[in-house]
C-alpha atoms as a PDB file:
ATOM      1  CA  MET A   1     232.563 -58.438-114.971  1.00  0.00           C
ATOM      2  CA  ALA A   2     230.037 -57.239-112.398  1.00  0.00           C
ATOM      3  CA  THR A   3     226.335 -57.233-113.268  1.00  0.00           C
ATOM      4  CA  HIS A   4     223.646 -54.970-111.827  1.00  0.00           C
ATOM      5  CA  LYS A   5     221.364 -56.678-109.293  1.00  0.00           C
ATOM      6  CA  PHE A   6     218.733 -53.921-109.051  1.00  0.00           C
ATOM      7  CA  THR A   7     216.310 -52.877-111.802  1.00  0.00           C
ATOM      8  CA  ILE A   8     215.102 -49.464-112.918  1.00  0.00           C
ATOM      9  CA  GLY A   9     212.094 -48.432-110.844  1.00  0.00           C
ATOM     10  CA  GLN A  10     212.992 -50.732-107.942  1.00  0.00           C
ATOM     11  CA  GLN A  11     212.999 -49.213-104.467  1.00  0.00           C
ATOM     12  CA  VAL A  12     216.109 -49.682-102.355  1.00  0.00           C
ATOM     13  CA  GLN A  13     217.228 -48.708 -98.876  1.00  0.00           C
ATOM     14  CA  PHE A  14     220.384 -46.683 -98.214  1.00  0.00           C
ATOM     15  CA  VAL A  15     221.997 -46.425 -94.774  1.00  0.00           C
ATOM     16  CA  PRO A  16     224.858 -43.909 -94.786  1.00  0.00           C
ATOM     17  CA  GLY A  17     228.202 -44.879 -93.304  1.00  0.00           C
ATOM     18  CA  ALA A  18     230.453 -42.608 -91.252  1.00  0.00           C
ATOM     19  CA  ALA A  19     232.004 -41.058 -94.377  1.00  0.00           C
ATOM     20  CA  GLU A  20     228.566 -40.525 -95.960  1.00  0.00           C
ATOM     21  CA  PHE A  21     226.975 -38.475 -93.160  1.00  0.00           C
ATOM     22  CA  HIS A  22     226.016 -35.777 -95.688  1.00  0.00           C
ATOM     23  CA  ILE A  23     223.791 -38.172 -97.691  1.00  0.00           C
ATOM     24  CA  PRO A  24     220.345 -38.758 -96.197  1.00  0.00           C
ATOM     25  CA  GLY A  25     219.515 -42.374 -95.557  1.00  0.00           C
ATOM     26  CA  GLY A  26     216.178 -43.894 -96.406  1.00  0.00           C
ATOM     27  CA  LEU A  27     214.189 -45.074 -99.364  1.00  0.00           C
ATOM     28  CA  TYR A  28     215.433 -44.430-102.909  1.00  0.00           C
ATOM     29  CA  THR A  29     214.176 -45.415-106.369  1.00  0.00           C
ATOM     30  CA  ILE A  30     216.587 -46.682-109.033  1.00  0.00           C
ATOM     31  CA  VAL A  31     216.465 -44.185-111.898  1.00  0.00           C
ATOM     32  CA  ARG A  32     219.282 -45.475-114.106  1.00  0.00           C
ATOM     33  CA  LYS A  33     221.959 -48.149-114.183  1.00  0.00           C
ATOM     34  CA  LEU A  34     225.408 -46.618-114.585  1.00  0.00           C
ATOM     35  CA  PRO A  35     228.603 -48.182-115.928  1.00  0.00           C
ATOM     36  CA  VAL A  36     230.652 -50.421-113.680  1.00  0.00           C
ATOM     37  CA  GLU A  37     233.518 -48.540-112.024  1.00  0.00           C
ATOM     38  CA  ALA A  38     236.340 -50.290-110.140  1.00  0.00           C
ATOM     39  CA  ASN A  39     234.431 -53.575-110.604  1.00  0.00           C
ATOM     40  CA  GLU A  40     231.371 -52.236-108.753  1.00  0.00           C
ATOM     41  CA  CYS A  41     227.957 -51.410-110.171  1.00  0.00           C
ATOM     42  CA  GLN A  42     226.588 -47.913-109.662  1.00  0.00           C
ATOM     43  CA  TYR A  43     223.115 -46.411-109.928  1.00  0.00           C
ATOM     44  CA  ARG A  44     221.504 -43.032-110.287  1.00  0.00           C
ATOM     45  CA  VAL A  45     218.896 -43.011-107.531  1.00  0.00           C
ATOM     46  CA  LYS A  46     216.159 -40.608-106.448  1.00  0.00           C
ATOM     47  CA  ASN A  47     215.279 -40.004-102.814  1.00  0.00           C
ATOM     48  CA  VAL A  48     211.606 -40.863-102.318  1.00  0.00           C
ATOM     49  CA  ARG A  49     211.136 -38.162 -99.675  1.00  0.00           C
ATOM     50  CA  ASP A  50     212.878 -35.096-101.140  1.00  0.00           C
ATOM     51  CA  GLY A  51     213.251 -36.039-104.835  1.00  0.00           C
ATOM     52  CA  HIS A  52     217.001 -35.335-104.853  1.00  0.00           C
ATOM     53  CA  GLU A  53     219.005 -37.535-107.243  1.00  0.00           C
ATOM     54  CA  ARG A  54     222.491 -38.854-106.581  1.00  0.00           C
ATOM     55  CA  ILE A  55     224.850 -41.670-107.569  1.00  0.00           C
ATOM     56  CA  LEU A  56     225.346 -44.567-105.161  1.00  0.00           C
ATOM     57  CA  ARG A  57     227.351 -47.788-105.310  1.00  0.00           C
ATOM     58  CA  GLU A  58     225.490 -51.091-105.285  1.00  0.00           C
ATOM     59  CA  SER A  59     227.314 -52.275-102.165  1.00  0.00           C
ATOM     60  CA  ARG A  60     225.657 -49.444-100.197  1.00  0.00           C
ATOM     61  CA  LEU A  61     222.112 -50.427-101.230  1.00  0.00           C
ATOM     62  CA  THR A  62     219.730 -53.118-100.017  1.00  0.00           C
ATOM     63  CA  PRO A  63     216.330 -54.083-101.417  1.00  0.00           C
ATOM     64  CA  ALA A  64     213.509 -52.145 -99.768  1.00  0.00           C
ATOM     65  CA  ALA A  65     210.940 -54.090 -97.773  1.00  0.00           C
ATOM     66  CA  ALA A  66     207.716 -54.689 -99.652  1.00  0.00           C
ATOM     67  CA  PRO A  67     204.856 -52.353 -98.690  1.00  0.00           C
ATOM     68  CA  MET A  68     202.407 -53.920 -96.213  1.00  0.00           C
ATOM     69  CA  ALA A  69     199.502 -53.848 -98.705  1.00  0.00           C
ATOM     70  CA  LYS A  70     201.450 -56.049-101.115  1.00  0.00           C
ATOM     71  CA  LEU A  71     202.368 -58.504 -98.366  1.00  0.00           C
ATOM     72  CA  HIS A  72     198.709 -59.093 -97.576  1.00  0.00           C
ATOM     73  CA  GLY A  73     197.637 -59.378-101.216  1.00  0.00           C
ATOM     74  CA  SER A  74     195.684 -56.103-101.237  1.00  0.00           C
END
């Protein structure tokens, strides 16, 4: 059985594919882990820019780059 690789509160990056042109790409925050469907994990995510929530499959998400301040220990 598939297991979720992202945690609640984690920021992830979404880049829409050709069939997902209506979903804005960019930075999202994981709001909730959803049940596995068709052997793929799903998440309820919130767009950081506009606050809109949607459901996305794990295969469409990548971990967001760490903010620069955290990289330099600030």
